[in-house]
Structures are given as C-alpha cells and as structure tokens.
Amino acid sequence: MAATATKLSDWLRKIVLYQEDVKDEHGAPPAVPAVRATVAAVIRNPWLGTGPGEVLAGQAEAVAPHLARALSDRLKAALGGAEEIEAFGKAAIVGTAGEIEHGGALIHTPYFGNLFREFLEGESIICFADSRSDAGQALIVPMWHKHAPATRSHYQTIAARVSDGPRPDEIVVIAAASTGPRPHARIGDRKTDQVVTAEKLEHVFA
C-alpha cells in the first residue's frame, strides 16, 4: 500500500516528556553529570483491524517520519541540542488490540530509525525495546553511545510510562536520550578488555 499524505496530528493523542538529572548516586555526585529524558507519543494504531498478512510499509512511511522529527525535536529541546546528546534509544508499546509487529513497523524501519539518528547527529545502530501491554505499564528503554556503541560507560536504561496509554487501539512510540554516561561508570570498555575465553578462565571454573 502506498503512503498517503498525513500529519502527525491525524494520529496523535498526546506527547509525554520525562526528564531526570541525577545529583547523587549511592552517596556521591556523579563524576560526569548527565541528564536523561524520554519523549513518548501516544498515537492511534494505523493498522488496527488488519490481519497478519497486511503490508505495513505504506503507513510506516506516512507516520514514522513525523514521529522521528517530533520526538527528536522534543529531546533536543529538553537536553540542550543534538550536540549535548551522547546516548540514545527507542521503544514502542502496542495496545492489546494490535500486533507487536505494528510497533516494529514504526520504530525499526528507516522511516523512523534513520531519521531519528540523523536528527540527533548519531551514527550507531539504535538499541531498542518493544512490548504489548495494557495502559500504564512501564517499559525499560536501553540506550548506548550514539557514535561508539562499544563504549560501555554509556550502556544505560531509563523507564518510560504513560499513565493512560496505550489504550487497546493505540501505540506508544518512545525516544530516549542522555547527555552522558551512567553514574560512576568504571567497568572498562570493550575496546580495551582483555580477551576472555573459557580456556583462559579455567582457574575460575576449577
């Protein structure tokens, strides 16, 4: 099915912004402060009532680019611009009347992912989570570094929740970002780790 002209307002019920600025972690301020945020768009499911054979690309092309722009704009406004953002992630929660693939169609195609990455000036593949649930359920959204996904200090998660969504006929699409690493990150980096194999750790298993 070909994409039809649309505006986000044709599908959108609400946008929810959550932001946190951790000042103390386990009794000490983080050495590298970071502000983290999620932006969630609650939209009507474009494929409601269709079956597993429905082609999803047309509506994905029509709706997902608007979501990518709206959510990235809100994140940039909340966190001080794309240049301040170091880590990102994405997620979708599908209401109980939809398929889990409906959420995937909105966040896993280039119509969302490529644009979200471009708008936040990143290069990495965007880590993700997706789920189907009743309204009000939280989803843990993973994030990693927008340029260097092997940078372990930026492996982090943030909880996203919309109190009254998704309704059965809705999808919640979530974008997440952070201006820095986890508090007190100190477990090394994948690029500098020693080579670890079962053979090298025989003394541990003994």
Protein backbone atom coordinates (compact mmCIF):
# COMPACT_ATOMS: atom_id res chain seq x y z
CA MET A 1 0.00 0.00 0.00
CA ALA A 2 1.41 3.39 -0.95
CA ALA A 3 1.92 6.04 1.68
CA THR A 4 -0.83 8.61 1.99
CA ALA A 5 -0.31 12.24 2.88
CA THR A 6 -0.71 12.71 6.61
CA LYS A 7 0.12 14.93 9.56
CA LEU A 8 1.13 13.66 12.97
CA SER A 9 -1.93 15.40 14.39
CA ASP A 10 -4.08 12.98 12.38
CA TRP A 11 -2.83 10.16 14.64
CA LEU A 12 -1.58 11.81 17.83
CA ARG A 13 -3.44 11.87 21.16
CA LYS A 14 -0.70 13.17 23.44
CA ILE A 15 3.05 13.60 23.96
CA VAL A 16 4.63 12.86 27.36
CA LEU A 17 8.08 14.17 28.34
CA TYR A 18 10.01 12.72 31.27
CA GLN A 19 13.39 14.07 32.37
CA GLU A 20 15.80 13.25 35.18
CA ASP A 21 19.00 14.86 36.43
CA VAL A 22 20.80 12.63 38.93
CA LYS A 23 22.60 14.69 41.58
CA ASP A 24 23.56 11.84 43.90
CA GLU A 25 24.20 8.16 43.26
CA HIS A 26 24.95 5.94 46.25
CA GLY A 27 26.09 8.84 48.38
CA ALA A 28 28.21 10.76 45.89
CA PRO A 29 27.57 13.07 42.93
CA PRO A 30 28.36 11.54 39.54
CA ALA A 31 31.85 12.46 38.32
CA VAL A 32 30.33 13.09 34.90
CA PRO A 33 26.84 14.60 35.33
CA ALA A 34 24.20 13.54 32.84
CA VAL A 35 20.62 14.49 32.13
CA ARG A 36 18.36 11.82 30.66
CA ALA A 37 14.94 12.05 29.07
CA THR A 38 12.23 10.15 27.28
CA VAL A 39 9.57 11.50 24.97
CA ALA A 40 6.54 9.31 24.29
CA ALA A 41 3.97 9.88 21.55
CA VAL A 42 0.62 8.18 22.00
CA ILE A 43 -0.92 7.56 18.58
CA ARG A 44 -3.85 5.70 17.10
CA ASN A 45 -2.72 2.36 15.68
CA PRO A 46 -2.68 2.83 11.87
CA TRP A 47 -3.18 -0.91 11.27
CA LEU A 48 -5.95 -1.61 13.75
CA GLY A 49 -8.28 -4.34 12.48
CA THR A 50 -5.89 -5.68 9.86
CA GLY A 51 -4.53 -9.23 9.83
CA PRO A 52 -1.04 -10.72 9.86
CA GLY A 53 -0.89 -10.56 6.06
CA GLU A 54 -1.27 -6.78 5.94
CA VAL A 55 1.63 -4.91 4.30
CA LEU A 56 2.81 -2.31 6.81
CA ALA A 57 5.23 -0.23 4.76
CA GLY A 58 2.79 2.36 3.41
CA GLN A 59 1.54 3.64 6.74
CA ALA A 60 5.02 3.33 8.23
CA GLU A 61 6.29 5.72 5.57
CA ALA A 62 3.38 8.07 6.19
CA VAL A 63 3.55 8.20 10.00
CA ALA A 64 7.04 7.25 11.24
CA PRO A 65 8.98 10.24 9.78
CA HIS A 66 6.68 12.65 11.60
CA LEU A 67 7.27 10.74 14.83
CA ALA A 68 11.03 10.80 14.34
CA ARG A 69 11.04 14.56 13.86
CA ALA A 70 8.63 15.37 16.68
CA LEU A 71 10.31 13.16 19.26
CA SER A 72 13.85 14.19 18.35
CA ASP A 73 12.86 17.87 18.45
CA ARG A 74 11.45 17.42 21.96
CA LEU A 75 14.57 15.59 23.13
CA LYS A 76 16.88 18.26 21.71
CA ALA A 77 14.85 21.00 23.38
CA ALA A 78 14.92 19.17 26.72
CA LEU A 79 18.62 18.25 26.68
CA GLY A 80 20.23 21.31 25.10
CA GLY A 81 20.53 20.29 21.46
CA ALA A 82 21.86 17.35 19.47
CA GLU A 83 25.44 18.30 20.29
CA GLU A 84 24.77 17.68 24.01
CA ILE A 85 23.27 14.23 23.48
CA GLU A 86 25.68 11.30 23.78
CA ALA A 87 23.42 8.25 24.01
CA PHE A 88 20.08 7.29 22.51
CA GLY A 89 17.45 4.55 22.32
CA LYS A 90 13.96 3.85 21.04
CA ALA A 91 10.93 1.77 22.01
CA ALA A 92 7.29 1.02 21.27
CA ILE A 93 4.41 -0.27 23.37
CA VAL A 94 1.49 -1.65 21.39
CA GLY A 95 -2.01 -1.69 22.84
CA THR A 96 -3.69 -5.03 23.36
CA ALA A 97 -5.78 -4.85 20.17
CA GLY A 98 -2.67 -4.58 17.98
CA GLU A 99 0.20 -6.78 16.87
CA ILE A 100 3.69 -6.42 18.30
CA GLU A 101 4.79 -6.01 14.67
CA HIS A 102 2.81 -2.78 14.46
CA GLY A 103 5.22 -1.21 16.92
CA GLY A 104 8.15 -2.61 14.96
CA ALA A 105 6.82 -1.03 11.80
CA LEU A 106 7.05 2.38 13.42
CA ILE A 107 10.48 2.16 15.05
CA HIS A 108 12.52 -0.49 13.19
CA THR A 109 12.30 0.84 9.63
CA PRO A 110 14.43 3.59 8.05
CA TYR A 111 11.40 5.89 8.15
CA PHE A 112 11.97 6.28 11.89
CA GLY A 113 15.42 4.96 12.77
CA ASN A 114 17.45 6.63 10.02
CA LEU A 115 15.78 9.98 10.61
CA PHE A 116 15.99 9.82 14.41
CA ARG A 117 19.70 9.04 14.13
CA GLU A 118 20.20 11.90 11.64
CA PHE A 119 18.27 14.43 13.73
CA LEU A 120 20.36 13.57 16.83
CA GLU A 121 23.59 13.57 14.77
CA GLY A 122 24.44 9.96 15.57
CA GLU A 123 25.99 7.07 13.68
CA SER A 124 25.26 3.97 15.77
CA ILE A 125 22.51 1.46 15.31
CA ILE A 126 19.84 2.46 17.84
CA CYS A 127 19.16 -0.07 20.59
CA PHE A 128 15.52 -0.71 21.33
CA ALA A 129 12.74 -2.37 23.30
CA ASP A 130 9.20 -3.24 22.34
CA SER A 131 6.21 -4.71 24.10
CA ARG A 132 2.44 -5.09 24.07
CA SER A 133 0.58 -4.19 27.24
CA ASP A 134 -2.32 -2.52 28.94
CA ALA A 135 -2.30 1.20 29.64
CA GLY A 136 0.07 2.44 32.29
CA GLN A 137 2.68 -0.30 32.06
CA ALA A 138 6.30 0.86 32.17
CA LEU A 139 8.89 -0.20 29.61
CA ILE A 140 12.63 -0.13 30.23
CA VAL A 141 14.32 1.58 27.28
CA PRO A 142 18.01 0.79 26.66
CA MET A 143 20.47 3.37 25.38
CA TRP A 144 24.06 3.35 24.19
CA HIS A 145 26.54 5.82 22.70
CA LYS A 146 25.29 7.47 19.51
CA HIS A 147 28.72 7.27 17.83
CA ALA A 148 30.52 4.37 19.51
CA PRO A 149 28.23 1.55 20.68
CA ALA A 150 31.21 -0.32 22.18
CA THR A 151 31.59 2.47 24.76
CA ARG A 152 30.40 0.54 27.80
CA SER A 153 30.13 3.61 30.05
CA HIS A 154 27.07 4.70 28.07
CA TYR A 155 25.17 1.42 28.37
CA GLN A 156 22.17 2.56 30.40
CA THR A 157 18.41 2.28 30.66
CA ILE A 158 15.53 4.56 31.52
CA ALA A 159 11.94 3.69 32.40
CA ALA A 160 9.16 5.12 30.23
CA ARG A 161 5.49 5.12 31.16
CA VAL A 162 2.28 6.80 30.02
CA SER A 163 -0.36 6.62 32.73
CA ASP A 164 -3.33 6.19 30.38
CA GLY A 165 -1.70 4.64 27.35
CA PRO A 166 -1.59 2.75 25.24
CA ARG A 167 -5.30 2.15 25.04
CA PRO A 168 -6.10 -1.08 23.16
CA ASP A 169 -6.28 0.76 19.82
CA GLU A 170 -3.09 2.80 20.36
CA ILE A 171 0.69 2.58 20.14
CA VAL A 172 3.13 4.48 22.35
CA VAL A 173 6.33 5.34 20.48
CA ILE A 174 9.24 6.36 22.71
CA ALA A 175 12.54 8.10 22.05
CA ALA A 176 15.19 8.29 24.78
CA ALA A 177 18.47 10.15 25.14
CA SER A 178 21.18 11.01 27.65
CA THR A 179 23.82 13.71 27.78
CA GLY A 180 26.39 11.41 29.36
CA PRO A 181 27.30 8.04 30.87
CA ARG A 182 25.92 6.06 33.80
CA PRO A 183 26.76 7.48 37.22
CA HIS A 184 30.20 6.30 38.41
CA ALA A 185 30.83 4.22 35.25
CA ARG A 186 34.04 2.23 35.90
CA ILE A 187 33.86 -1.25 34.36
CA GLY A 188 36.19 -0.66 31.45
CA ASP A 189 35.50 -0.64 27.77
CA ARG A 190 35.01 -3.33 25.17
CA LYS A 191 37.86 -1.95 23.08
CA THR A 192 40.34 -2.26 25.94
CA ASP A 193 39.13 -5.51 27.55
CA GLN A 194 41.45 -8.49 27.72
CA VAL A 195 40.50 -11.44 25.55
CA VAL A 196 38.30 -13.68 27.71
CA THR A 197 37.61 -17.31 26.80
CA ALA A 198 36.59 -20.36 28.81
CA GLU A 199 40.10 -21.75 28.38
CA LYS A 200 41.70 -18.60 29.86
CA LEU A 201 39.34 -18.85 32.84
CA GLU A 202 39.97 -22.49 33.71
CA HIS A 203 41.27 -21.36 37.12
CA VAL A 204 37.88 -19.70 37.81
CA PHE A 205 35.93 -22.85 36.97
CA ALA A 206 38.30 -25.16 38.85
